[in-house]
Amino acid sequence: LPTIMDPVYGYQVTNVEASMSSPSSLLHWTRRMIEIRKQNPAFGLGSYNELPSSNPAVLAFLREYEDDLVLCVHNFSRFAQPTELDLSRFGGRHPVELFGGVRFPAVGDLPYLLTLAGHGFYWFRLRREPA
């Protein structure tokens, strides 16, 4: 017998073929995550340094490999959470979100404020603006 006998989640509806045709499927999301990790060598080869967060529910860390700087911020709460991060050593750089390419405001001397959705996360490349 199939493990799940359900008209919504059964194998007749939820399967690889159906997932391949749905851009919002878990399969597409997972493939995108793998693609982003492959494009950013800091994930696999870079150093790992935790950054202090003003919120105990939020984990922030930096992966650094050669010129590749990736800032990862993860919310472990089911509720939206704010956090402040001291990114002053990266002053002038712009966090660029890796999934959509959205450019966030430049890092300055003040703590960098982020709000994350419940169980949400950001992966940023810290980009230096070309001269």
Protein backbone atom coordinates (compact mmCIF):
# COMPACT_ATOMS: atom_id res chain seq x y z
CA LEU A 1 0.00 0.00 0.00
CA PRO A 2 1.13 3.57 -0.59
CA THR A 3 2.11 5.36 2.60
CA ILE A 4 -0.31 8.23 2.04
CA MET A 5 -3.82 7.52 0.79
CA ASP A 6 -5.17 11.05 0.49
CA PRO A 7 -6.85 12.89 -2.41
CA VAL A 8 -4.70 16.00 -1.79
CA TYR A 9 -1.34 14.56 -0.69
CA GLY A 10 -1.47 11.09 -2.25
CA TYR A 11 1.00 9.94 -4.89
CA GLN A 12 -1.54 10.58 -7.68
CA VAL A 13 -1.34 14.34 -7.02
CA THR A 14 1.91 14.96 -5.13
CA ASN A 15 4.73 13.48 -7.20
CA VAL A 16 7.84 14.52 -9.10
CA GLU A 17 6.00 14.98 -12.40
CA ALA A 18 3.49 17.34 -10.80
CA SER A 19 6.25 19.15 -8.90
CA MET A 20 8.26 19.72 -12.08
CA SER A 21 5.34 21.56 -13.65
CA SER A 22 4.72 23.76 -10.59
CA PRO A 23 7.19 26.66 -10.12
CA SER A 24 6.10 27.01 -6.47
CA SER A 25 6.81 23.36 -5.60
CA LEU A 26 9.24 22.18 -2.94
CA LEU A 27 11.24 20.52 -5.72
CA HIS A 28 11.83 23.85 -7.51
CA TRP A 29 12.63 25.58 -4.21
CA THR A 30 15.18 22.90 -3.30
CA ARG A 31 16.79 23.07 -6.74
CA ARG A 32 17.07 26.85 -6.41
CA MET A 33 18.72 26.49 -2.98
CA ILE A 34 21.27 24.05 -4.42
CA GLU A 35 21.94 26.39 -7.35
CA ILE A 36 22.56 29.34 -5.01
CA ARG A 37 24.94 27.29 -2.87
CA LYS A 38 26.88 26.21 -5.98
CA GLN A 39 27.16 29.84 -7.16
CA ASN A 40 28.60 30.96 -3.81
CA PRO A 41 31.73 29.02 -2.87
CA ALA A 42 31.72 30.62 0.59
CA PHE A 43 28.98 28.20 1.64
CA GLY A 44 31.13 25.12 1.19
CA LEU A 45 34.68 26.45 1.40
CA GLY A 46 34.43 29.60 3.49
CA SER A 47 35.18 30.30 7.09
CA TYR A 48 32.28 30.33 9.55
CA ASN A 49 31.96 33.21 12.01
CA GLU A 50 28.90 33.81 14.17
CA LEU A 51 27.81 37.42 14.58
CA PRO A 52 26.20 38.70 17.77
CA SER A 53 22.44 39.22 17.38
CA SER A 54 20.31 41.40 19.64
CA ASN A 55 17.63 38.68 19.57
CA PRO A 56 18.28 35.19 20.98
CA ALA A 57 15.81 33.68 18.47
CA VAL A 58 17.93 34.90 15.55
CA LEU A 59 21.19 33.28 14.44
CA ALA A 60 23.50 35.34 12.24
CA PHE A 61 26.75 34.15 10.74
CA LEU A 62 29.17 35.08 8.02
CA ARG A 63 30.69 32.72 5.46
CA GLU A 64 33.82 34.18 3.89
CA TYR A 65 35.92 32.77 1.06
CA GLU A 66 38.34 34.97 -0.91
CA ASP A 67 36.17 37.88 -2.18
CA ASP A 68 32.90 36.05 -1.49
CA LEU A 69 31.14 37.31 1.67
CA VAL A 70 27.79 35.71 2.51
CA LEU A 71 25.76 36.86 5.51
CA CYS A 72 23.17 34.34 6.73
CA VAL A 73 20.44 35.39 9.17
CA HIS A 74 17.95 32.78 10.44
CA ASN A 75 14.87 33.18 12.65
CA PHE A 76 14.25 30.08 14.79
CA SER A 77 10.96 31.42 16.18
CA ARG A 78 7.58 30.76 14.61
CA PHE A 79 6.84 34.46 15.07
CA ALA A 80 8.30 37.43 13.20
CA GLN A 81 11.45 38.68 14.95
CA PRO A 82 13.53 41.86 14.73
CA THR A 83 17.27 41.86 15.23
CA GLU A 84 20.13 44.32 15.20
CA LEU A 85 23.53 43.24 13.88
CA ASP A 86 26.85 45.00 14.20
CA LEU A 87 28.02 45.03 10.58
CA SER A 88 30.08 48.22 10.91
CA ARG A 89 33.25 46.50 9.67
CA PHE A 90 31.43 46.07 6.35
CA GLY A 91 30.50 49.77 6.14
CA GLY A 92 29.59 50.93 2.65
CA ARG A 93 28.71 47.44 1.42
CA HIS A 94 25.19 46.62 0.26
CA PRO A 95 23.55 43.35 1.31
CA VAL A 96 22.09 41.76 -1.84
CA GLU A 97 19.57 39.00 -1.14
CA LEU A 98 20.64 35.85 -2.97
CA PHE A 99 17.22 34.51 -4.00
CA GLY A 100 15.74 37.56 -5.68
CA GLY A 101 18.75 39.85 -6.10
CA VAL A 102 17.08 42.55 -3.99
CA ARG A 103 19.57 45.19 -2.86
CA PHE A 104 19.13 46.26 0.76
CA PRO A 105 20.30 49.61 2.21
CA ALA A 106 24.04 50.09 2.65
CA VAL A 107 25.70 49.08 5.89
CA GLY A 108 26.82 52.01 8.04
CA ASP A 109 28.20 52.61 11.52
CA LEU A 110 24.87 52.03 13.30
CA PRO A 111 23.53 48.54 14.07
CA TYR A 112 21.87 46.99 11.00
CA LEU A 113 18.16 46.34 11.66
CA LEU A 114 16.37 43.39 10.06
CA THR A 115 12.94 41.88 10.64
CA LEU A 116 12.48 38.24 9.70
CA ALA A 117 9.21 36.35 9.20
CA GLY A 118 8.48 33.38 11.41
CA HIS A 119 11.06 30.67 10.61
CA GLY A 120 12.32 33.04 7.92
CA PHE A 121 15.86 33.63 6.79
CA TYR A 122 18.00 35.86 4.62
CA TRP A 123 21.11 34.94 2.69
CA PHE A 124 22.95 38.08 1.58
CA ARG A 125 26.04 38.66 -0.48
CA LEU A 126 27.79 41.71 0.93
CA ARG A 127 28.70 43.69 -2.16
CA ARG A 128 31.09 46.56 -2.42
CA GLU A 129 29.87 49.27 -4.76
CA PRO A 130 32.05 49.72 -7.85
CA ALA A 131 34.00 52.99 -7.90
